[in-house]
Amino acid sequence: MRNIGRDVRYKNYSSTAQPFLSSAIDEFKIDGSALFEYSSPEGMNAMFQFAYQERDETHSLQPSDSVSTSAFASLSEVEERKNNNSRRTSLMFSVSTGVTASDSIDFSGSTSILRYDTPSPQNTDERDELRDLLGLSYFPPVLTVFFRCGHSSR
């Protein structure tokens, strides 16, 4: 959990100026991953990894006597539009094996999906992104092929 605060030291009490209020951002993060590796006596190596990340961000204003209740409610609504939640799930793998004593082949890939949501009905910045990557390599490096695919939706 991380809290970020912005305090305003010098306040402008002029009625024509937009009031600056102290704000706070509360951020909650979860990160985790699991990695599995296997090596065979014949020289084959395999790796599989699963990762998950989540972040929840909440914005708020600190009350002030220098701002009317209706102005504070309006400014608070603007600040709350910034609230967001994002989740990323990733899978990665790699398999390599020797073809000859000096040559090897490697096949790897990954896929990742990002889900980004904003709870405020006034904020329509919501999207899902899918990214895929597949690779095939032959060592010594005579052939390397990569396939990339990505998709975003709003």
N, C-alpha and C. Protein backbone atom coordinates (compact mmCIF):
# COMPACT_ATOMS: atom_id res chain seq x y z
N MET A 1 0.86 -1.17 0.00
CA MET A 1 0.00 0.00 0.00
C MET A 1 0.90 1.22 0.00
N ARG A 2 0.60 2.16 -0.87
CA ARG A 2 1.38 3.39 -0.97
C ARG A 2 0.43 4.57 -0.96
N ASN A 3 0.72 5.58 -0.15
CA ASN A 3 -0.08 6.80 -0.08
C ASN A 3 0.77 7.96 -0.56
N ILE A 4 0.22 8.73 -1.49
CA ILE A 4 0.91 9.90 -2.01
C ILE A 4 0.04 11.11 -1.71
N GLY A 5 0.59 12.09 -1.06
CA GLY A 5 -0.17 13.29 -0.73
C GLY A 5 0.41 14.51 -1.40
N ARG A 6 -0.46 15.45 -1.74
CA ARG A 6 -0.02 16.73 -2.31
C ARG A 6 -0.65 17.82 -1.47
N ASP A 7 0.18 18.53 -0.74
CA ASP A 7 -0.31 19.62 0.10
C ASP A 7 -0.01 20.95 -0.57
N VAL A 8 -0.95 21.84 -0.45
CA VAL A 8 -0.79 23.19 -0.98
C VAL A 8 -0.43 24.08 0.20
N ARG A 9 0.76 24.69 0.14
CA ARG A 9 1.21 25.54 1.24
C ARG A 9 0.63 26.95 1.14
N TYR A 10 0.59 27.48 -0.07
CA TYR A 10 0.15 28.86 -0.25
C TYR A 10 -1.19 28.84 -0.97
N LYS A 11 -2.20 29.28 -0.28
CA LYS A 11 -3.54 29.26 -0.85
C LYS A 11 -3.89 30.65 -1.38
N ASN A 12 -4.53 30.68 -2.54
CA ASN A 12 -4.98 31.92 -3.15
C ASN A 12 -6.45 32.10 -2.78
N TYR A 13 -6.76 33.15 -2.05
CA TYR A 13 -8.12 33.37 -1.59
C TYR A 13 -8.90 34.28 -2.52
N SER A 14 -8.35 34.57 -3.68
CA SER A 14 -9.05 35.39 -4.67
C SER A 14 -10.24 34.61 -5.20
N SER A 15 -11.37 35.25 -5.39
CA SER A 15 -12.57 34.57 -5.85
C SER A 15 -12.49 34.19 -7.33
N THR A 16 -11.58 34.78 -8.09
CA THR A 16 -11.49 34.48 -9.52
C THR A 16 -10.57 33.29 -9.81
N ALA A 17 -9.74 32.92 -8.87
CA ALA A 17 -8.77 31.84 -9.12
C ALA A 17 -9.40 30.48 -8.81
N GLN A 18 -9.00 29.46 -9.57
CA GLN A 18 -9.41 28.09 -9.32
C GLN A 18 -8.74 27.63 -8.02
N PRO A 19 -9.49 27.15 -7.04
CA PRO A 19 -8.85 26.77 -5.78
C PRO A 19 -7.99 25.51 -5.95
N PHE A 20 -6.85 25.51 -5.28
CA PHE A 20 -5.99 24.34 -5.24
C PHE A 20 -6.17 23.69 -3.88
N LEU A 21 -6.54 22.45 -3.88
CA LEU A 21 -6.76 21.74 -2.63
C LEU A 21 -5.74 20.62 -2.49
N SER A 22 -5.46 20.26 -1.25
CA SER A 22 -4.56 19.14 -1.00
C SER A 22 -5.26 17.87 -1.43
N SER A 23 -4.50 16.97 -2.07
CA SER A 23 -5.09 15.73 -2.55
C SER A 23 -4.29 14.54 -2.06
N ALA A 24 -4.88 13.37 -2.18
CA ALA A 24 -4.21 12.14 -1.78
C ALA A 24 -4.48 11.07 -2.81
N ILE A 25 -3.49 10.22 -3.03
CA ILE A 25 -3.64 9.07 -3.91
C ILE A 25 -3.28 7.83 -3.10
N ASP A 26 -4.22 6.92 -2.97
CA ASP A 26 -3.96 5.65 -2.30
C ASP A 26 -3.78 4.60 -3.38
N GLU A 27 -2.68 3.88 -3.31
CA GLU A 27 -2.37 2.87 -4.31
C GLU A 27 -2.14 1.54 -3.61
N PHE A 28 -2.82 0.51 -4.09
CA PHE A 28 -2.68 -0.83 -3.56
C PHE A 28 -2.20 -1.73 -4.68
N LYS A 29 -1.08 -2.45 -4.46
CA LYS A 29 -0.51 -3.29 -5.50
C LYS A 29 -0.34 -4.72 -5.01
N ILE A 30 -0.59 -5.64 -5.93
CA ILE A 30 -0.32 -7.06 -5.69
C ILE A 30 0.50 -7.55 -6.88
N ASP A 31 1.64 -8.15 -6.62
CA ASP A 31 2.49 -8.73 -7.66
C ASP A 31 2.86 -10.14 -7.21
N GLY A 32 2.80 -11.07 -8.14
CA GLY A 32 3.22 -12.42 -7.81
C GLY A 32 3.53 -13.21 -9.06
N SER A 33 4.42 -14.17 -8.93
CA SER A 33 4.73 -15.02 -10.07
C SER A 33 5.21 -16.37 -9.57
N ALA A 34 5.08 -17.36 -10.44
CA ALA A 34 5.57 -18.71 -10.16
C ALA A 34 6.38 -19.15 -11.37
N LEU A 35 7.55 -19.72 -11.12
CA LEU A 35 8.44 -20.16 -12.19
C LEU A 35 8.73 -21.64 -12.00
N PHE A 36 8.56 -22.41 -13.07
CA PHE A 36 8.85 -23.84 -13.06
C PHE A 36 9.92 -24.11 -14.12
N GLU A 37 10.97 -24.82 -13.73
CA GLU A 37 12.04 -25.15 -14.66
C GLU A 37 12.29 -26.65 -14.63
N TYR A 38 12.67 -27.18 -15.79
CA TYR A 38 12.98 -28.60 -15.90
C TYR A 38 14.19 -28.77 -16.81
N SER A 39 15.12 -29.62 -16.41
CA SER A 39 16.28 -29.96 -17.23
C SER A 39 16.39 -31.48 -17.27
N SER A 40 16.42 -32.03 -18.47
CA SER A 40 16.55 -33.48 -18.61
C SER A 40 18.02 -33.86 -18.77
N PRO A 41 18.36 -35.09 -18.44
CA PRO A 41 19.75 -35.54 -18.64
C PRO A 41 20.16 -35.52 -20.11
N GLU A 42 19.19 -35.58 -21.02
CA GLU A 42 19.49 -35.58 -22.46
C GLU A 42 19.77 -34.18 -22.99
N GLY A 43 19.64 -33.14 -22.18
CA GLY A 43 19.96 -31.78 -22.62
C GLY A 43 18.77 -30.90 -22.96
N MET A 44 17.56 -31.36 -22.68
CA MET A 44 16.39 -30.52 -22.93
C MET A 44 16.12 -29.66 -21.69
N ASN A 45 15.88 -28.37 -21.90
CA ASN A 45 15.55 -27.45 -20.82
C ASN A 45 14.19 -26.83 -21.11
N ALA A 46 13.37 -26.72 -20.07
CA ALA A 46 12.04 -26.12 -20.23
C ALA A 46 11.79 -25.17 -19.07
N MET A 47 11.07 -24.10 -19.36
CA MET A 47 10.73 -23.10 -18.36
C MET A 47 9.29 -22.65 -18.62
N PHE A 48 8.52 -22.52 -17.55
CA PHE A 48 7.15 -22.03 -17.63
C PHE A 48 6.97 -21.05 -16.48
N GLN A 49 6.43 -19.85 -16.80
CA GLN A 49 6.23 -18.84 -15.76
C GLN A 49 4.83 -18.26 -15.87
N PHE A 50 4.19 -18.09 -14.73
CA PHE A 50 2.89 -17.43 -14.61
C PHE A 50 3.09 -16.21 -13.74
N ALA A 51 2.57 -15.05 -14.15
CA ALA A 51 2.70 -13.82 -13.37
C ALA A 51 1.37 -13.09 -13.31
N TYR A 52 1.11 -12.46 -12.17
CA TYR A 52 -0.12 -11.69 -11.98
C TYR A 52 0.24 -10.39 -11.28
N GLN A 53 -0.31 -9.29 -11.79
CA GLN A 53 -0.10 -7.97 -11.19
C GLN A 53 -1.46 -7.27 -11.13
N GLU A 54 -1.72 -6.63 -10.02
CA GLU A 54 -2.95 -5.86 -9.88
C GLU A 54 -2.62 -4.56 -9.15
N ARG A 55 -3.26 -3.47 -9.61
CA ARG A 55 -3.05 -2.17 -8.98
C ARG A 55 -4.39 -1.46 -8.90
N ASP A 56 -4.69 -0.93 -7.74
CA ASP A 56 -5.92 -0.18 -7.51
C ASP A 56 -5.51 1.20 -7.02
N GLU A 57 -5.97 2.24 -7.71
CA GLU A 57 -5.57 3.61 -7.40
C GLU A 57 -6.82 4.43 -7.09
N THR A 58 -6.83 5.09 -5.91
CA THR A 58 -7.97 5.89 -5.48
C THR A 58 -7.50 7.32 -5.20
N HIS A 59 -8.15 8.29 -5.84
CA HIS A 59 -7.81 9.71 -5.67
C HIS A 59 -8.87 10.39 -4.81
N SER A 60 -8.43 11.30 -3.92
CA SER A 60 -9.38 12.03 -3.09
C SER A 60 -8.81 13.41 -2.76
N LEU A 61 -9.71 14.32 -2.40
CA LEU A 61 -9.33 15.68 -1.98
C LEU A 61 -9.48 15.80 -0.48
N GLN A 62 -8.64 16.64 0.12
CA GLN A 62 -8.73 16.92 1.54
C GLN A 62 -9.66 18.13 1.72
N PRO A 63 -10.62 18.05 2.64
CA PRO A 63 -11.55 19.18 2.85
C PRO A 63 -10.81 20.45 3.25
N SER A 64 -11.38 21.59 2.86
CA SER A 64 -10.79 22.88 3.18
C SER A 64 -11.89 23.88 3.50
N ASP A 65 -11.63 24.74 4.47
CA ASP A 65 -12.60 25.77 4.85
C ASP A 65 -12.68 26.89 3.81
N SER A 66 -11.67 26.98 2.92
CA SER A 66 -11.63 28.07 1.96
C SER A 66 -12.50 27.80 0.72
N VAL A 67 -13.14 26.64 0.65
CA VAL A 67 -13.93 26.28 -0.52
C VAL A 67 -15.34 25.93 -0.07
N SER A 68 -16.33 26.39 -0.83
CA SER A 68 -17.73 26.10 -0.49
C SER A 68 -18.01 24.60 -0.66
N THR A 69 -19.08 24.14 -0.05
CA THR A 69 -19.45 22.73 -0.11
C THR A 69 -19.73 22.29 -1.54
N SER A 70 -20.43 23.12 -2.30
CA SER A 70 -20.75 22.75 -3.69
C SER A 70 -19.49 22.73 -4.57
N ALA A 71 -18.57 23.68 -4.36
CA ALA A 71 -17.33 23.68 -5.13
C ALA A 71 -16.46 22.48 -4.76
N PHE A 72 -16.45 22.14 -3.46
CA PHE A 72 -15.68 20.98 -3.04
C PHE A 72 -16.25 19.69 -3.65
N ALA A 73 -17.57 19.58 -3.70
CA ALA A 73 -18.20 18.39 -4.29
C ALA A 73 -17.85 18.28 -5.77
N SER A 74 -17.87 19.40 -6.48
CA SER A 74 -17.53 19.40 -7.90
C SER A 74 -16.07 19.03 -8.13
N LEU A 75 -15.17 19.62 -7.34
CA LEU A 75 -13.74 19.31 -7.47
C LEU A 75 -13.45 17.88 -7.05
N SER A 76 -14.17 17.39 -6.05
CA SER A 76 -14.00 16.01 -5.60
C SER A 76 -14.40 15.03 -6.70
N GLU A 77 -15.46 15.34 -7.41
CA GLU A 77 -15.92 14.48 -8.51
C GLU A 77 -14.87 14.42 -9.62
N VAL A 78 -14.24 15.55 -9.92
CA VAL A 78 -13.18 15.58 -10.93
C VAL A 78 -12.02 14.69 -10.49
N GLU A 79 -11.66 14.77 -9.22
CA GLU A 79 -10.54 13.97 -8.70
C GLU A 79 -10.88 12.47 -8.73
N GLU A 80 -12.13 12.12 -8.39
CA GLU A 80 -12.53 10.72 -8.34
C GLU A 80 -12.61 10.08 -9.73
N ARG A 81 -12.71 10.89 -10.78
CA ARG A 81 -12.69 10.34 -12.14
C ARG A 81 -11.37 9.66 -12.47
N LYS A 82 -10.33 10.01 -11.73
CA LYS A 82 -9.00 9.45 -11.96
C LYS A 82 -8.84 8.05 -11.34
N ASN A 83 -9.79 7.61 -10.53
CA ASN A 83 -9.70 6.29 -9.91
C ASN A 83 -9.61 5.22 -11.00
N ASN A 84 -8.76 4.22 -10.78
CA ASN A 84 -8.62 3.16 -11.79
C ASN A 84 -8.14 1.87 -11.16
N ASN A 85 -8.36 0.79 -11.90
CA ASN A 85 -7.92 -0.54 -11.50
C ASN A 85 -7.34 -1.22 -12.71
N SER A 86 -6.16 -1.81 -12.57
CA SER A 86 -5.56 -2.54 -13.69
C SER A 86 -5.11 -3.91 -13.22
N ARG A 87 -5.27 -4.90 -14.10
CA ARG A 87 -4.86 -6.27 -13.82
C ARG A 87 -4.13 -6.80 -15.05
N ARG A 88 -2.96 -7.37 -14.84
CA ARG A 88 -2.20 -7.99 -15.94
C ARG A 88 -1.90 -9.44 -15.55
N THR A 89 -2.23 -10.34 -16.47
CA THR A 89 -1.94 -11.76 -16.30
C THR A 89 -1.04 -12.17 -17.45
N SER A 90 0.06 -12.86 -17.14
CA SER A 90 1.04 -13.24 -18.17
C SER A 90 1.42 -14.71 -18.02
N LEU A 91 1.62 -15.34 -19.17
CA LEU A 91 2.15 -16.70 -19.24
C LEU A 91 3.34 -16.68 -20.18
N MET A 92 4.44 -17.32 -19.77
CA MET A 92 5.64 -17.38 -20.61
C MET A 92 6.18 -18.80 -20.58
N PHE A 93 6.76 -19.23 -21.71
CA PHE A 93 7.39 -20.55 -21.72
C PHE A 93 8.60 -20.52 -22.65
N SER A 94 9.49 -21.48 -22.44
CA SER A 94 10.66 -21.64 -23.29
C SER A 94 11.07 -23.11 -23.22
N VAL A 95 11.35 -23.66 -24.39
CA VAL A 95 11.83 -25.04 -24.48
C VAL A 95 13.04 -25.02 -25.41
N SER A 96 14.16 -25.57 -24.95
CA SER A 96 15.34 -25.64 -25.80
C SER A 96 15.93 -27.04 -25.70
N THR A 97 16.48 -27.49 -26.82
CA THR A 97 17.09 -28.82 -26.85
C THR A 97 18.23 -28.83 -27.85
N GLY A 98 19.19 -29.70 -27.60
CA GLY A 98 20.30 -29.83 -28.52
C GLY A 98 19.91 -30.70 -29.71
N VAL A 99 20.26 -30.24 -30.90
CA VAL A 99 20.01 -31.01 -32.12
C VAL A 99 21.25 -31.85 -32.43
N THR A 100 22.40 -31.22 -32.33
CA THR A 100 23.69 -31.90 -32.46
C THR A 100 24.56 -31.44 -31.28
N ALA A 101 25.79 -31.85 -31.28
CA ALA A 101 26.69 -31.46 -30.18
C ALA A 101 26.92 -29.95 -30.14
N SER A 102 26.85 -29.27 -31.30
CA SER A 102 27.12 -27.83 -31.33
C SER A 102 25.89 -27.00 -31.70
N ASP A 103 24.78 -27.62 -32.10
CA ASP A 103 23.59 -26.89 -32.52
C ASP A 103 22.44 -27.13 -31.53
N SER A 104 21.63 -26.11 -31.35
CA SER A 104 20.44 -26.26 -30.50
C SER A 104 19.30 -25.46 -31.10
N ILE A 105 18.10 -25.81 -30.68
CA ILE A 105 16.91 -25.12 -31.14
C ILE A 105 16.13 -24.67 -29.91
N ASP A 106 15.55 -23.48 -30.00
CA ASP A 106 14.82 -22.88 -28.89
C ASP A 106 13.46 -22.42 -29.38
N PHE A 107 12.41 -22.81 -28.66
CA PHE A 107 11.05 -22.38 -28.98
C PHE A 107 10.51 -21.69 -27.73
N SER A 108 10.06 -20.44 -27.90
CA SER A 108 9.58 -19.69 -26.73
C SER A 108 8.34 -18.90 -27.11
N GLY A 109 7.60 -18.51 -26.08
CA GLY A 109 6.40 -17.73 -26.32
C GLY A 109 5.90 -17.09 -25.05
N SER A 110 5.05 -16.11 -25.24
CA SER A 110 4.42 -15.45 -24.10
C SER A 110 3.08 -14.87 -24.53
N THR A 111 2.20 -14.76 -23.58
CA THR A 111 0.93 -14.09 -23.81
C THR A 111 0.62 -13.28 -22.56
N SER A 112 0.02 -12.14 -22.76
CA SER A 112 -0.26 -11.24 -21.65
C SER A 112 -1.56 -10.50 -21.93
N ILE A 113 -2.40 -10.39 -20.93
CA ILE A 113 -3.63 -9.61 -21.08
C ILE A 113 -3.66 -8.55 -19.98
N LEU A 114 -3.95 -7.33 -20.40
CA LEU A 114 -4.08 -6.20 -19.49
C LEU A 114 -5.55 -5.78 -19.49
N ARG A 115 -6.11 -5.66 -18.31
CA ARG A 115 -7.47 -5.16 -18.16
C ARG A 115 -7.38 -3.87 -17.35
N TYR A 116 -7.84 -2.76 -17.94
CA TYR A 116 -7.76 -1.45 -17.29
C TYR A 116 -9.18 -0.91 -17.21
N ASP A 117 -9.64 -0.63 -16.00
CA ASP A 117 -11.01 -0.17 -15.80
C ASP A 117 -11.02 1.07 -14.92
N THR A 118 -11.99 1.93 -15.17
CA THR A 118 -12.23 3.10 -14.35
C THR A 118 -13.66 3.01 -13.83
N PRO A 119 -13.87 3.07 -12.52
CA PRO A 119 -15.22 2.91 -11.99
C PRO A 119 -16.16 4.09 -12.25
N SER A 120 -15.62 5.26 -12.52
CA SER A 120 -16.45 6.45 -12.72
C SER A 120 -17.19 6.38 -14.06
N PRO A 121 -18.49 6.63 -14.07
CA PRO A 121 -19.23 6.63 -15.35
C PRO A 121 -18.80 7.77 -16.27
N GLN A 122 -18.19 8.85 -15.73
CA GLN A 122 -17.73 9.96 -16.55
C GLN A 122 -16.39 9.66 -17.23
N ASN A 123 -15.66 8.67 -16.74
CA ASN A 123 -14.37 8.32 -17.32
C ASN A 123 -14.54 7.07 -18.16
N THR A 124 -14.38 7.20 -19.45
CA THR A 124 -14.60 6.07 -20.36
C THR A 124 -13.29 5.45 -20.83
N ASP A 125 -12.19 5.71 -20.12
CA ASP A 125 -10.88 5.17 -20.51
C ASP A 125 -10.76 3.75 -19.97
N GLU A 126 -11.46 2.82 -20.60
CA GLU A 126 -11.41 1.42 -20.22
C GLU A 126 -10.96 0.63 -21.43
N ARG A 127 -10.03 -0.29 -21.20
CA ARG A 127 -9.52 -1.05 -22.34
C ARG A 127 -8.96 -2.38 -21.88
N ASP A 128 -8.93 -3.31 -22.79
CA ASP A 128 -8.28 -4.60 -22.61
C ASP A 128 -7.25 -4.73 -23.72
N GLU A 129 -6.07 -5.21 -23.39
CA GLU A 129 -5.01 -5.39 -24.38
C GLU A 129 -4.48 -6.81 -24.27
N LEU A 130 -4.37 -7.47 -25.41
CA LEU A 130 -3.83 -8.82 -25.48
C LEU A 130 -2.57 -8.78 -26.33
N ARG A 131 -1.47 -9.31 -25.80
CA ARG A 131 -0.20 -9.34 -26.53
C ARG A 131 0.33 -10.77 -26.53
N ASP A 132 0.67 -11.25 -27.72
CA ASP A 132 1.22 -12.60 -27.89
C ASP A 132 2.55 -12.51 -28.62
N LEU A 133 3.47 -13.38 -28.27
CA LEU A 133 4.77 -13.43 -28.92
C LEU A 133 5.22 -14.89 -28.97
N LEU A 134 5.60 -15.33 -30.16
CA LEU A 134 6.16 -16.67 -30.35
C LEU A 134 7.50 -16.53 -31.04
N GLY A 135 8.46 -17.33 -30.66
CA GLY A 135 9.78 -17.25 -31.27
C GLY A 135 10.37 -18.62 -31.49
N LEU A 136 11.13 -18.75 -32.54
CA LEU A 136 11.84 -19.98 -32.87
C LEU A 136 13.26 -19.58 -33.25
N SER A 137 14.25 -20.16 -32.59
CA SER A 137 15.65 -19.81 -32.85
C SER A 137 16.46 -21.08 -33.03
N TYR A 138 17.42 -21.00 -33.93
CA TYR A 138 18.34 -22.11 -34.16
C TYR A 138 19.75 -21.58 -33.92
N PHE A 139 20.51 -22.26 -33.06
CA PHE A 139 21.86 -21.81 -32.72
C PHE A 139 22.87 -22.84 -33.22
N PRO A 140 23.99 -22.51 -33.81
CA PRO A 140 24.48 -21.15 -34.00
C PRO A 140 23.51 -20.36 -34.85
N PRO A 141 23.43 -19.05 -34.60
CA PRO A 141 22.36 -18.24 -35.19
C PRO A 141 22.38 -18.18 -36.71
N VAL A 142 21.66 -19.11 -37.32
CA VAL A 142 21.46 -19.06 -38.76
C VAL A 142 20.01 -18.74 -39.06
N LEU A 143 19.14 -18.99 -38.10
CA LEU A 143 17.71 -18.78 -38.33
C LEU A 143 17.05 -18.32 -37.04
N THR A 144 16.38 -17.20 -37.12
CA THR A 144 15.58 -16.72 -36.00
C THR A 144 14.27 -16.20 -36.57
N VAL A 145 13.16 -16.71 -36.05
CA VAL A 145 11.83 -16.33 -36.53
C VAL A 145 11.01 -15.90 -35.32
N PHE A 146 10.38 -14.74 -35.40
CA PHE A 146 9.48 -14.28 -34.35
C PHE A 146 8.13 -13.96 -34.94
N PHE A 147 7.10 -14.25 -34.19
CA PHE A 147 5.74 -13.92 -34.58
C PHE A 147 5.15 -13.09 -33.46
N ARG A 148 4.68 -11.90 -33.77
CA ARG A 148 4.08 -11.02 -32.76
C ARG A 148 2.62 -10.76 -33.12
N CYS A 149 1.81 -10.72 -32.11
CA CYS A 149 0.39 -10.44 -32.32
C CYS A 149 -0.08 -9.62 -31.13
N GLY A 150 -0.85 -8.60 -31.39
CA GLY A 150 -1.40 -7.79 -30.31
C GLY A 150 -2.80 -7.32 -30.66
N HIS A 151 -3.61 -7.10 -29.64
CA HIS A 151 -4.97 -6.65 -29.85
C HIS A 151 -5.38 -5.75 -28.69
N SER A 152 -6.01 -4.65 -29.02
CA SER A 152 -6.52 -3.73 -28.00
C SER A 152 -7.99 -3.50 -28.27
N SER A 153 -8.77 -3.40 -27.21
CA SER A 153 -10.18 -3.07 -27.39
C SER A 153 -10.58 -2.06 -26.33
N ARG A 154 -11.49 -1.21 -26.70
CA ARG A 154 -11.97 -0.17 -25.77
C ARG A 154 -13.46 -0.28 -25.65
